[in-house]
């Protein structure tokens, strides 16, 4: 997966994302899930579940598998690594991971290409 990024988009306020949850954003026509895990840690992956085609990953349960921070798809329960987008159970169903940064109290995101 490519790590090249475009410019950053303002997504929301930091306070708009409750810790250990995600939100969905539409960025350049792509559904993206942005997650807040721990103090000041934010990750973003594509929001579309590759098995179903539904835009639902932002609604999944955030947790960990070993040293991986993951979200479990609410539909098929596959786990997606929030740092890389890799699907733990079926790597062929992996999604893109995107770059997130915080500026002041705003969450910014750059899409991976």
Protein backbone atom coordinates (compact mmCIF):
# COMPACT_ATOMS: atom_id res chain seq x y z
CA UNK A 1 0.00 0.00 0.00
CA UNK A 2 1.31 3.39 -0.91
CA UNK A 3 2.15 5.90 1.79
CA UNK A 4 2.28 8.88 -0.57
CA UNK A 5 -0.19 11.49 0.63
CA UNK A 6 -1.99 14.46 -0.81
CA UNK A 7 -2.79 17.64 1.09
CA UNK A 8 -4.43 17.56 4.51
CA UNK A 9 -8.18 17.99 4.96
CA UNK A 10 -9.80 19.41 8.10
CA UNK A 11 -12.08 16.62 9.37
CA UNK A 12 -13.46 17.72 12.75
CA UNK A 13 -12.58 18.93 16.23
CA UNK A 14 -10.60 16.55 18.44
CA UNK A 15 -13.48 16.64 20.94
CA UNK A 16 -15.90 15.38 18.26
CA UNK A 17 -14.38 11.89 18.50
CA UNK A 18 -14.98 10.12 21.81
CA UNK A 19 -11.96 8.03 22.92
CA UNK A 20 -12.04 4.39 21.72
CA UNK A 21 -14.50 5.20 18.91
CA UNK A 22 -14.50 6.29 15.30
CA UNK A 23 -16.29 8.69 12.98
CA UNK A 24 -16.84 8.59 9.24
CA UNK A 25 -15.80 11.39 6.90
CA UNK A 26 -16.16 11.83 3.16
CA UNK A 27 -12.80 12.99 1.79
CA UNK A 28 -12.35 13.51 -1.94
CA UNK A 29 -15.24 11.10 -2.52
CA UNK A 30 -13.74 8.36 -0.31
CA UNK A 31 -15.41 7.11 2.88
CA UNK A 32 -12.79 7.26 5.63
CA UNK A 33 -13.01 6.09 9.24
CA UNK A 34 -11.08 8.21 11.76
CA UNK A 35 -10.46 6.65 15.18
CA UNK A 36 -9.34 8.11 18.49
CA UNK A 37 -7.47 5.59 20.63
CA UNK A 38 -5.76 6.52 23.86
CA UNK A 39 -4.64 10.03 24.71
CA UNK A 40 -3.91 11.92 21.53
CA UNK A 41 -3.63 8.90 19.25
CA UNK A 42 -5.63 9.04 16.03
CA UNK A 43 -5.69 6.63 13.09
CA UNK A 44 -7.60 6.51 9.82
CA UNK A 45 -8.48 3.71 7.41
CA UNK A 46 -10.97 3.30 4.60
CA UNK A 47 -14.47 3.00 6.05
CA UNK A 48 -15.84 0.50 3.52
CA UNK A 49 -15.86 -3.14 4.65
CA UNK A 50 -14.31 -5.01 1.69
CA UNK A 51 -16.48 -8.12 2.22
CA UNK A 52 -19.85 -6.37 2.22
CA UNK A 53 -19.14 -3.07 0.45
CA UNK A 54 -20.93 -1.27 3.30
CA UNK A 55 -19.47 1.90 4.81
CA UNK A 56 -19.40 0.65 8.43
CA UNK A 57 -15.88 0.26 9.82
CA UNK A 58 -16.13 3.53 11.79
CA UNK A 59 -18.91 1.86 13.81
CA UNK A 60 -16.80 -1.16 14.78
CA UNK A 61 -15.41 -2.02 18.19
CA UNK A 62 -11.91 -0.68 18.86
CA UNK A 63 -9.55 -2.92 20.78
CA UNK A 64 -6.26 -4.76 20.52
CA UNK A 65 -4.97 -8.11 19.30
CA UNK A 66 -1.54 -8.57 20.83
CA UNK A 67 0.36 -5.36 20.09
CA UNK A 68 -1.99 -4.34 17.27
CA UNK A 69 -4.66 -1.66 17.70
CA UNK A 70 -7.63 -2.88 15.66
CA UNK A 71 -11.25 -2.28 14.81
CA UNK A 72 -13.65 -5.21 14.40
CA UNK A 73 -16.02 -4.85 11.48
CA UNK A 74 -19.60 -4.74 12.78
CA UNK A 75 -20.72 -7.03 9.94
CA UNK A 76 -18.23 -9.88 9.52
CA UNK A 77 -16.13 -9.28 12.66
CA UNK A 78 -12.86 -9.19 10.73
CA UNK A 79 -10.19 -7.14 12.50
CA UNK A 80 -8.42 -4.27 10.72
CA UNK A 81 -5.11 -2.94 12.01
CA UNK A 82 -5.62 0.80 12.50
CA UNK A 83 -1.97 1.59 11.75
CA UNK A 84 -1.69 -0.31 8.46
CA UNK A 85 -5.23 -1.19 7.31
CA UNK A 86 -4.31 -4.88 7.18
CA UNK A 87 -7.16 -7.32 7.69
CA UNK A 88 -5.80 -9.73 10.32
CA UNK A 89 -7.93 -12.72 9.31
CA UNK A 90 -7.81 -12.21 5.53
CA UNK A 91 -4.96 -9.97 4.31
CA UNK A 92 -6.49 -9.92 0.81
CA UNK A 93 -9.35 -7.86 2.36
CA UNK A 94 -7.04 -5.14 3.70
CA UNK A 95 -7.97 -1.46 3.36
CA UNK A 96 -5.88 1.68 2.98
CA UNK A 97 -4.50 3.47 6.01
CA UNK A 98 -4.33 7.26 5.89
CA UNK A 99 -2.21 9.88 7.64
CA UNK A 100 -3.76 11.79 10.53
CA UNK A 101 -2.30 14.75 12.36
CA UNK A 102 -3.58 17.11 15.02
CA UNK A 103 -3.18 20.87 14.71
CA UNK A 104 -4.47 22.77 17.69
CA UNK A 105 -7.84 21.18 18.41
CA UNK A 106 -8.48 20.02 14.81
CA UNK A 107 -8.13 16.55 13.27
CA UNK A 108 -6.53 16.68 9.81
CA UNK A 109 -6.28 13.82 7.34
CA UNK A 110 -4.33 13.18 4.15
CA UNK A 111 -5.45 10.35 1.88
CA UNK A 112 -2.94 7.67 0.94
CA UNK A 113 -2.73 7.05 -2.78
